[in-house]
Amino acid sequence: MKEKNGEYVENKVYEHRVLKRMSQKELADAVGVSKQTIYVMEKNNYSPSLVLAFRIVDFFDVDVNDIFSYVRGSD
């Protein structure tokens, strides 16, 4: 989700979910959110809270930087 100055958090949730052969619903249930939340996050239309981001990386057992990255906008 891009902010006014173009900065946003990019994610690789889709890639990690597909590698585990999981549905959006299965991942949503595992991390305590709705399927819709996973859907919009995978489309980069939603930046998760820090708590949700850490639930996701804990679930996939990876470093936060493996899934989420900050993209700087123009100053």
C-alpha atoms as a PDB file:
ATOM      1  CA  MET A   1       0.000   0.000   0.000  1.00  0.00           C
ATOM      2  CA  LYS A   2       1.757   3.121  -1.195  1.00  0.00           C
ATOM      3  CA  GLU A   3       1.732   6.183   0.999  1.00  0.00           C
ATOM      4  CA  LYS A   4       1.513   9.733  -0.357  1.00  0.00           C
ATOM      5  CA  ASN A   5       5.277  10.014  -0.750  1.00  0.00           C
ATOM      6  CA  GLY A   6       5.511   6.646  -2.513  1.00  0.00           C
ATOM      7  CA  GLU A   7       6.920   4.579   0.345  1.00  0.00           C
ATOM      8  CA  TYR A   8       5.435   1.203   1.155  1.00  0.00           C
ATOM      9  CA  VAL A   9       6.139  -2.264   2.507  1.00  0.00           C
ATOM     10  CA  GLU A  10       6.556  -4.901  -0.165  1.00  0.00           C
ATOM     11  CA  ASN A  11       6.011  -8.525   0.743  1.00  0.00           C
ATOM     12  CA  LYS A  12       6.560 -12.053  -0.504  1.00  0.00           C
ATOM     13  CA  VAL A  13       3.677 -13.656   1.373  1.00  0.00           C
ATOM     14  CA  TYR A  14       2.274 -15.171  -1.836  1.00  0.00           C
ATOM     15  CA  GLU A  15       5.573 -16.841  -2.742  1.00  0.00           C
ATOM     16  CA  HIS A  16       6.020 -18.366   0.708  1.00  0.00           C
ATOM     17  CA  ARG A  17       2.410 -19.528   0.863  1.00  0.00           C
ATOM     18  CA  VAL A  18       2.588 -21.203  -2.554  1.00  0.00           C
ATOM     19  CA  LEU A  19       5.851 -22.950  -1.675  1.00  0.00           C
ATOM     20  CA  LYS A  20       4.066 -24.469   1.331  1.00  0.00           C
ATOM     21  CA  ARG A  21       1.121 -25.411  -0.918  1.00  0.00           C
ATOM     22  CA  MET A  22      -1.335 -23.612   1.315  1.00  0.00           C
ATOM     23  CA  SER A  23      -4.548 -21.813   0.508  1.00  0.00           C
ATOM     24  CA  GLN A  24      -5.109 -18.219   1.571  1.00  0.00           C
ATOM     25  CA  LYS A  25      -7.697 -19.521   4.049  1.00  0.00           C
ATOM     26  CA  GLU A  26      -5.226 -21.952   5.611  1.00  0.00           C
ATOM     27  CA  LEU A  27      -2.633 -19.229   6.105  1.00  0.00           C
ATOM     28  CA  ALA A  28      -5.258 -16.820   7.411  1.00  0.00           C
ATOM     29  CA  ASP A  29      -6.413 -19.370   9.988  1.00  0.00           C
ATOM     30  CA  ALA A  30      -2.814 -20.101  11.012  1.00  0.00           C
ATOM     31  CA  VAL A  31      -2.007 -16.439  11.715  1.00  0.00           C
ATOM     32  CA  GLY A  32      -5.416 -15.351  13.029  1.00  0.00           C
ATOM     33  CA  VAL A  33      -6.777 -13.104  10.263  1.00  0.00           C
ATOM     34  CA  SER A  34      -9.376 -13.321   7.504  1.00  0.00           C
ATOM     35  CA  LYS A  35      -8.761 -14.737   4.043  1.00  0.00           C
ATOM     36  CA  GLN A  36      -9.473 -11.240   2.707  1.00  0.00           C
ATOM     37  CA  THR A  37      -6.551  -9.844   4.738  1.00  0.00           C
ATOM     38  CA  ILE A  38      -4.172 -12.347   3.157  1.00  0.00           C
ATOM     39  CA  TYR A  39      -5.605 -11.583  -0.296  1.00  0.00           C
ATOM     40  CA  VAL A  40      -5.083  -7.811  -0.065  1.00  0.00           C
ATOM     41  CA  MET A  41      -1.663  -8.255   1.533  1.00  0.00           C
ATOM     42  CA  GLU A  42      -0.521 -10.486  -1.336  1.00  0.00           C
ATOM     43  CA  LYS A  43      -1.657  -7.794  -3.782  1.00  0.00           C
ATOM     44  CA  ASN A  44       0.445  -5.239  -1.832  1.00  0.00           C
ATOM     45  CA  ASN A  45      -2.726  -3.278  -1.060  1.00  0.00           C
ATOM     46  CA  TYR A  46      -2.349  -3.712   2.697  1.00  0.00           C
ATOM     47  CA  SER A  47       0.598  -3.291   5.035  1.00  0.00           C
ATOM     48  CA  PRO A  48       0.260  -5.564   8.049  1.00  0.00           C
ATOM     49  CA  SER A  49       0.776  -4.483  11.610  1.00  0.00           C
ATOM     50  CA  LEU A  50       4.098  -5.446  13.154  1.00  0.00           C
ATOM     51  CA  VAL A  51       2.340  -8.105  15.210  1.00  0.00           C
ATOM     52  CA  LEU A  52       0.830  -9.712  12.108  1.00  0.00           C
ATOM     53  CA  ALA A  53       4.105  -9.451  10.203  1.00  0.00           C
ATOM     54  CA  PHE A  54       5.875 -11.308  13.009  1.00  0.00           C
ATOM     55  CA  ARG A  55       3.132 -13.947  13.183  1.00  0.00           C
ATOM     56  CA  ILE A  56       3.638 -14.575   9.472  1.00  0.00           C
ATOM     57  CA  VAL A  57       7.434 -14.842   9.634  1.00  0.00           C
ATOM     58  CA  ASP A  58       7.189 -17.043  12.728  1.00  0.00           C
ATOM     59  CA  PHE A  59       4.753 -19.303  10.896  1.00  0.00           C
ATOM     60  CA  PHE A  60       7.086 -19.637   7.900  1.00  0.00           C
ATOM     61  CA  ASP A  61      10.141 -19.795  10.214  1.00  0.00           C
ATOM     62  CA  VAL A  62      12.059 -17.142   8.278  1.00  0.00           C
ATOM     63  CA  ASP A  63      13.604 -13.757   9.002  1.00  0.00           C
ATOM     64  CA  VAL A  64      11.304 -10.758   8.666  1.00  0.00           C
ATOM     65  CA  ASN A  65      13.497  -9.450   5.834  1.00  0.00           C
ATOM     66  CA  ASP A  66      12.868 -12.625   3.833  1.00  0.00           C
ATOM     67  CA  ILE A  67       9.201 -11.670   3.448  1.00  0.00           C
ATOM     68  CA  PHE A  68       8.882  -7.942   4.113  1.00  0.00           C
ATOM     69  CA  SER A  69      10.928  -5.090   2.719  1.00  0.00           C
ATOM     70  CA  TYR A  70      10.594  -1.333   3.005  1.00  0.00           C
ATOM     71  CA  VAL A  71      10.536   0.563  -0.283  1.00  0.00           C
ATOM     72  CA  ARG A  72      11.524   4.201  -0.022  1.00  0.00           C
ATOM     73  CA  GLY A  73       9.552   6.780  -1.891  1.00  0.00           C
ATOM     74  CA  SER A  74      10.696  10.026  -3.370  1.00  0.00           C
ATOM     75  CA  ASP A  75      11.654  12.754  -0.924  1.00  0.00           C
END
